[in-house]
C-alpha atoms as a PDB file:
ATOM      1  CA  GLU A   1      43.529 133.834 121.087  1.00  0.00           C
ATOM      2  CA  HIS A   2      46.136 134.692 123.698  1.00  0.00           C
ATOM      3  CA  LEU A   3      49.362 132.706 123.425  1.00  0.00           C
ATOM      4  CA  GLU A   4      51.607 132.097 126.414  1.00  0.00           C
ATOM      5  CA  VAL A   5      55.307 131.461 125.873  1.00  0.00           C
ATOM      6  CA  VAL A   6      57.570 131.142 128.894  1.00  0.00           C
ATOM      7  CA  GLY A   7      60.556 133.462 128.711  1.00  0.00           C
ATOM      8  CA  ALA A   8      59.236 135.380 125.735  1.00  0.00           C
ATOM      9  CA  GLY A   9      61.201 138.561 125.320  1.00  0.00           C
ATOM     10  CA  ALA A  10      64.473 139.893 124.001  1.00  0.00           C
ATOM     11  CA  ARG A  11      66.467 136.711 124.673  1.00  0.00           C
ATOM     12  CA  ARG A  12      63.978 134.606 122.780  1.00  0.00           C
ATOM     13  CA  GLY A  13      63.993 137.078 119.894  1.00  0.00           C
ATOM     14  CA  VAL A  14      67.784 137.088 119.622  1.00  0.00           C
ATOM     15  CA  ILE A  15      67.939 133.293 119.642  1.00  0.00           C
ATOM     16  CA  LEU A  16      65.107 132.888 117.129  1.00  0.00           C
ATOM     17  CA  HIS A  17      66.767 135.312 114.718  1.00  0.00           C
ATOM     18  CA  LYS A  18      70.098 133.505 115.041  1.00  0.00           C
ATOM     19  CA  LEU A  19      68.420 130.131 114.455  1.00  0.00           C
ATOM     20  CA  MET A  20      66.713 131.486 111.339  1.00  0.00           C
ATOM     21  CA  GLU A  21      70.014 132.813 110.006  1.00  0.00           C
ATOM     22  CA  GLU A  22      71.870 129.553 110.640  1.00  0.00           C
ATOM     23  CA  LEU A  23      69.071 127.460 109.143  1.00  0.00           C
ATOM     24  CA  LEU A  24      69.022 129.601 105.995  1.00  0.00           C
ATOM     25  CA  ILE A  25      72.775 129.511 105.404  1.00  0.00           C
ATOM     26  CA  GLY A  26      72.886 125.767 106.072  1.00  0.00           C
ATOM     27  CA  GLU A  27      75.114 126.056 109.127  1.00  0.00           C
ATOM     28  CA  LEU A  28      72.355 124.356 111.134  1.00  0.00           C
ATOM     29  CA  ALA A  29      70.618 121.217 109.914  1.00  0.00           C
ATOM     30  CA  GLY A  30      66.896 121.695 109.501  1.00  0.00           C
ATOM     31  CA  GLU A  31      65.900 119.017 111.953  1.00  0.00           C
ATOM     32  CA  LEU A  32      64.445 119.413 115.415  1.00  0.00           C
ATOM     33  CA  GLY A  33      67.162 117.741 117.486  1.00  0.00           C
ATOM     34  CA  ALA A  34      69.980 119.845 116.042  1.00  0.00           C
ATOM     35  CA  SER A  35      67.886 123.011 116.307  1.00  0.00           C
ATOM     36  CA  VAL A  36      67.023 122.328 119.967  1.00  0.00           C
ATOM     37  CA  ALA A  37      70.680 121.702 120.786  1.00  0.00           C
ATOM     38  CA  ARG A  38      71.712 124.935 119.065  1.00  0.00           C
ATOM     39  CA  ALA A  39      68.965 126.927 120.816  1.00  0.00           C
ATOM     40  CA  ARG A  40      70.149 125.514 124.148  1.00  0.00           C
ATOM     41  CA  GLU A  41      73.746 126.471 123.326  1.00  0.00           C
ATOM     42  CA  LEU A  42      72.760 130.005 122.308  1.00  0.00           C
ATOM     43  CA  LEU A  43      70.692 130.418 125.485  1.00  0.00           C
ATOM     44  CA  HIS A  44      73.656 129.310 127.580  1.00  0.00           C
ATOM     45  CA  GLN A  45      75.867 131.855 125.802  1.00  0.00           C
ATOM     46  CA  LEU A  46      73.352 134.643 126.446  1.00  0.00           C
ATOM     47  CA  VAL A  47      72.668 133.721 130.072  1.00  0.00           C
ATOM     48  CA  SER A  48      75.858 132.769 131.833  1.00  0.00           C
ATOM     49  CA  ASP A  49      74.998 134.262 135.225  1.00  0.00           C
ATOM     50  CA  VAL A  50      73.644 131.548 137.531  1.00  0.00           C
ATOM     51  CA  ASN A  51      72.056 134.292 139.651  1.00  0.00           C
ATOM     52  CA  ASP A  52      69.949 135.484 136.726  1.00  0.00           C
ATOM     53  CA  ASP A  53      66.405 134.754 137.886  1.00  0.00           C
ATOM     54  CA  LYS A  54      64.556 135.961 134.777  1.00  0.00           C
ATOM     55  CA  SER A  55      62.427 133.318 133.101  1.00  0.00           C
ATOM     56  CA  ARG A  56      64.266 131.633 130.277  1.00  0.00           C
ATOM     57  CA  PRO A  57      62.831 130.687 126.914  1.00  0.00           C
ATOM     58  CA  ASP A  58      62.473 126.991 126.160  1.00  0.00           C
ATOM     59  CA  PRO A  59      64.969 125.693 123.571  1.00  0.00           C
ATOM     60  CA  ASN A  60      62.399 123.128 122.378  1.00  0.00           C
ATOM     61  CA  GLU A  61      59.791 125.825 121.733  1.00  0.00           C
ATOM     62  CA  MET A  62      62.285 128.132 119.997  1.00  0.00           C
ATOM     63  CA  ALA A  63      63.598 125.397 117.714  1.00  0.00           C
ATOM     64  CA  ALA A  64      60.073 124.327 116.811  1.00  0.00           C
ATOM     65  CA  ALA A  65      59.040 127.947 116.091  1.00  0.00           C
ATOM     66  CA  ALA A  66      62.040 128.495 113.789  1.00  0.00           C
ATOM     67  CA  LEU A  67      61.416 125.290 111.859  1.00  0.00           C
ATOM     68  CA  ARG A  68      57.676 126.028 111.627  1.00  0.00           C
ATOM     69  CA  GLY A  69      58.446 129.475 110.243  1.00  0.00           C
ATOM     70  CA  LEU A  70      60.580 128.088 107.439  1.00  0.00           C
ATOM     71  CA  ALA A  71      57.972 125.421 106.690  1.00  0.00           C
ATOM     72  CA  LEU A  72      55.160 127.934 106.164  1.00  0.00           C
ATOM     73  CA  PRO A  73      54.103 127.421 102.527  1.00  0.00           C
ATOM     74  CA  GLU A  74      54.732 131.039 101.497  1.00  0.00           C
ATOM     75  CA  ILE A  75      58.185 131.016 103.092  1.00  0.00           C
ATOM     76  CA  ALA A  76      59.087 127.500 101.925  1.00  0.00           C
ATOM     77  CA  GLU A  77      58.406 128.645  98.356  1.00  0.00           C
ATOM     78  CA  LEU A  78      60.898 131.500  98.748  1.00  0.00           C
ATOM     79  CA  ARG A  79      63.443 129.584 100.833  1.00  0.00           C
ATOM     80  CA  PRO A  80      65.822 128.708  97.960  1.00  0.00           C
ATOM     81  CA  HIS A  81      66.133 132.441  97.288  1.00  0.00           C
ATOM     82  CA  LEU A  82      66.402 133.715 100.873  1.00  0.00           C
ATOM     83  CA  VAL A  83      69.647 135.385 101.902  1.00  0.00           C
ATOM     84  CA  PRO A  84      69.730 136.229 105.619  1.00  0.00           C
ATOM     85  CA  GLU A  85      70.996 139.284 107.468  1.00  0.00           C
ATOM     86  CA  ILE A  86      71.543 141.727 104.606  1.00  0.00           C
ATOM     87  CA  ALA A  87      72.585 145.304 105.337  1.00  0.00           C
ATOM     88  CA  ILE A  88      70.318 147.715 103.500  1.00  0.00           C
ATOM     89  CA  TRP A  89      70.411 151.446 102.982  1.00  0.00           C
ATOM     90  CA  GLY A  90      68.632 154.055 100.974  1.00  0.00           C
ATOM     91  CA  HIS A  91      66.813 157.349 101.259  1.00  0.00           C
ATOM     92  CA  ASP A  92      63.321 158.683 101.035  1.00  0.00           C
ATOM     93  CA  GLU A  93      61.735 162.132 101.182  1.00  0.00           C
ATOM     94  CA  VAL A  94      62.343 162.256 104.957  1.00  0.00           C
ATOM     95  CA  GLY A  95      65.984 161.207 105.103  1.00  0.00           C
ATOM     96  CA  LEU A  96      68.402 158.329 105.031  1.00  0.00           C
ATOM     97  CA  LEU A  97      67.424 154.733 105.777  1.00  0.00           C
ATOM     98  CA  ALA A  98      69.783 152.088 107.121  1.00  0.00           C
ATOM     99  CA  GLY A  99      69.119 148.725 108.663  1.00  0.00           C
ATOM    100  CA  ARG A 100      69.519 145.003 108.396  1.00  0.00           C
ATOM    101  CA  ALA A 101      66.877 142.900 106.722  1.00  0.00           C
ATOM    102  CA  ASP A 102      66.301 139.537 108.365  1.00  0.00           C
ATOM    103  CA  ALA A 103      66.165 137.963 104.901  1.00  0.00           C
ATOM    104  CA  LEU A 104      65.805 139.052 101.303  1.00  0.00           C
ATOM    105  CA  ALA A 105      64.448 136.843  98.536  1.00  0.00           C
ATOM    106  CA  ILE A 106      66.777 137.499  95.636  1.00  0.00           C
ATOM    107  CA  ILE A 107      65.515 136.154  92.316  1.00  0.00           C
ATOM    108  CA  GLU A 108      67.275 136.816  89.022  1.00  0.00           C
ATOM    109  CA  GLU A 109      69.576 139.373  90.635  1.00  0.00           C
ATOM    110  CA  ARG A 110      66.806 141.533  92.052  1.00  0.00           C
ATOM    111  CA  VAL A 111      65.154 141.721  95.447  1.00  0.00           C
ATOM    112  CA  ASP A 112      61.771 140.056  95.093  1.00  0.00           C
ATOM    113  CA  ALA A 113      60.732 140.276  98.746  1.00  0.00           C
ATOM    114  CA  ALA A 114      61.958 141.427 102.141  1.00  0.00           C
ATOM    115  CA  ILE A 115      61.259 139.112 105.069  1.00  0.00           C
ATOM    116  CA  ASP A 116      61.063 140.291 108.655  1.00  0.00           C
ATOM    117  CA  TRP A 117      61.004 137.596 111.358  1.00  0.00           C
ATOM    118  CA  LYS A 118      59.084 138.598 114.470  1.00  0.00           C
ATOM    119  CA  SER A 119      59.238 136.757 117.776  1.00  0.00           C
ATOM    120  CA  ASP A 120      56.367 138.709 119.343  1.00  0.00           C
ATOM    121  CA  VAL A 121      53.888 136.430 121.085  1.00  0.00           C
ATOM    122  CA  ASN A 122      50.836 138.721 121.185  1.00  0.00           C
ATOM    123  CA  PRO A 123      51.657 141.946 119.314  1.00  0.00           C
ATOM    124  CA  THR A 124      49.235 144.797 119.890  1.00  0.00           C
ATOM    125  CA  PRO A 125      47.746 146.695 116.944  1.00  0.00           C
ATOM    126  CA  ALA A 126      50.226 149.520 117.597  1.00  0.00           C
ATOM    127  CA  VAL A 127      53.172 147.110 117.551  1.00  0.00           C
ATOM    128  CA  ARG A 128      51.881 145.502 114.355  1.00  0.00           C
ATOM    129  CA  GLU A 129      51.649 148.939 112.741  1.00  0.00           C
ATOM    130  CA  ALA A 130      55.252 149.660 113.771  1.00  0.00           C
ATOM    131  CA  HIS A 131      56.262 146.385 112.106  1.00  0.00           C
ATOM    132  CA  VAL A 132      54.468 147.439 108.913  1.00  0.00           C
ATOM    133  CA  GLN A 133      56.232 150.818 108.917  1.00  0.00           C
ATOM    134  CA  GLN A 134      59.608 149.135 109.408  1.00  0.00           C
ATOM    135  CA  LEU A 135      58.947 146.790 106.511  1.00  0.00           C
ATOM    136  CA  HIS A 136      57.863 149.684 104.284  1.00  0.00           C
ATOM    137  CA  GLU A 137      61.266 151.244 104.931  1.00  0.00           C
ATOM    138  CA  TYR A 138      62.964 147.995 103.897  1.00  0.00           C
ATOM    139  CA  LEU A 139      60.865 147.840 100.738  1.00  0.00           C
ATOM    140  CA  SER A 140      61.779 151.416  99.898  1.00  0.00           C
ATOM    141  CA  ALA A 141      65.490 150.797 100.491  1.00  0.00           C
ATOM    142  CA  THR A 142      65.661 147.537  98.523  1.00  0.00           C
ATOM    143  CA  GLY A 143      63.231 148.309  95.721  1.00  0.00           C
ATOM    144  CA  ALA A 144      61.264 145.159  96.521  1.00  0.00           C
ATOM    145  CA  LEU A 145      57.585 145.334  95.633  1.00  0.00           C
ATOM    146  CA  ARG A 146      56.512 143.131  98.537  1.00  0.00           C
ATOM    147  CA  GLY A 147      57.552 141.982 101.952  1.00  0.00           C
ATOM    148  CA  ALA A 148      56.376 139.629 104.647  1.00  0.00           C
ATOM    149  CA  ILE A 149      56.200 140.024 108.379  1.00  0.00           C
ATOM    150  CA  VAL A 150      56.484 136.475 109.705  1.00  0.00           C
ATOM    151  CA  TYR A 151      55.253 136.012 113.256  1.00  0.00           C
ATOM    152  CA  LEU A 152      57.193 132.912 114.221  1.00  0.00           C
ATOM    153  CA  THR A 153      55.144 132.111 117.326  1.00  0.00           C
ATOM    154  CA  SER A 154      51.734 132.039 115.675  1.00  0.00           C
ATOM    155  CA  GLY A 155      52.842 131.144 112.151  1.00  0.00           C
ATOM    156  CA  GLU A 156      51.073 134.181 110.715  1.00  0.00           C
ATOM    157  CA  VAL A 157      52.484 135.733 107.540  1.00  0.00           C
ATOM    158  CA  ALA A 158      51.393 139.320 106.831  1.00  0.00           C
ATOM    159  CA  TRP A 159      52.244 140.429 103.296  1.00  0.00           C
ATOM    160  CA  ILE A 160      52.860 144.124 102.686  1.00  0.00           C
ATOM    161  CA  LEU A 161      53.028 145.743  99.275  1.00  0.00           C
ATOM    162  CA  ARG A 162      55.246 148.728  98.541  1.00  0.00           C
ATOM    163  CA  SER A 163      53.113 151.833  98.239  1.00  0.00           C
END
């Protein structure tokens, strides 16, 4: 299946990640109208040049994708424990690791799972493998035994176990 999303790209990814963060911290109500309005506002902030002729993502589609992602059964189960945008750091046999996890599920004062939101519409196998490698680094840095790559467009959740 090949999905088409108008304006898919970096702008859409930035807005989706911000929506997810605001939904998780409760700054944004988890209803479609408020999410669409916020997506529209974020898009306006990102694209203020009237001469910008790049295709723009649809606020309705972005809001729906964010809400769908949080409603996925595996994510909904973890939602009470999800803390967004956590700086992480650590080291492995190769060197130092530093990054920002999109969300960590923290249960009983330990990281149960790392969550990585992805806005990719049709990720290639190579891109998917890069996502897996990135998540493995997050698992190593946080000590979590599992993590999920959540493709917000398709609603796919790919669970990865720490090796």
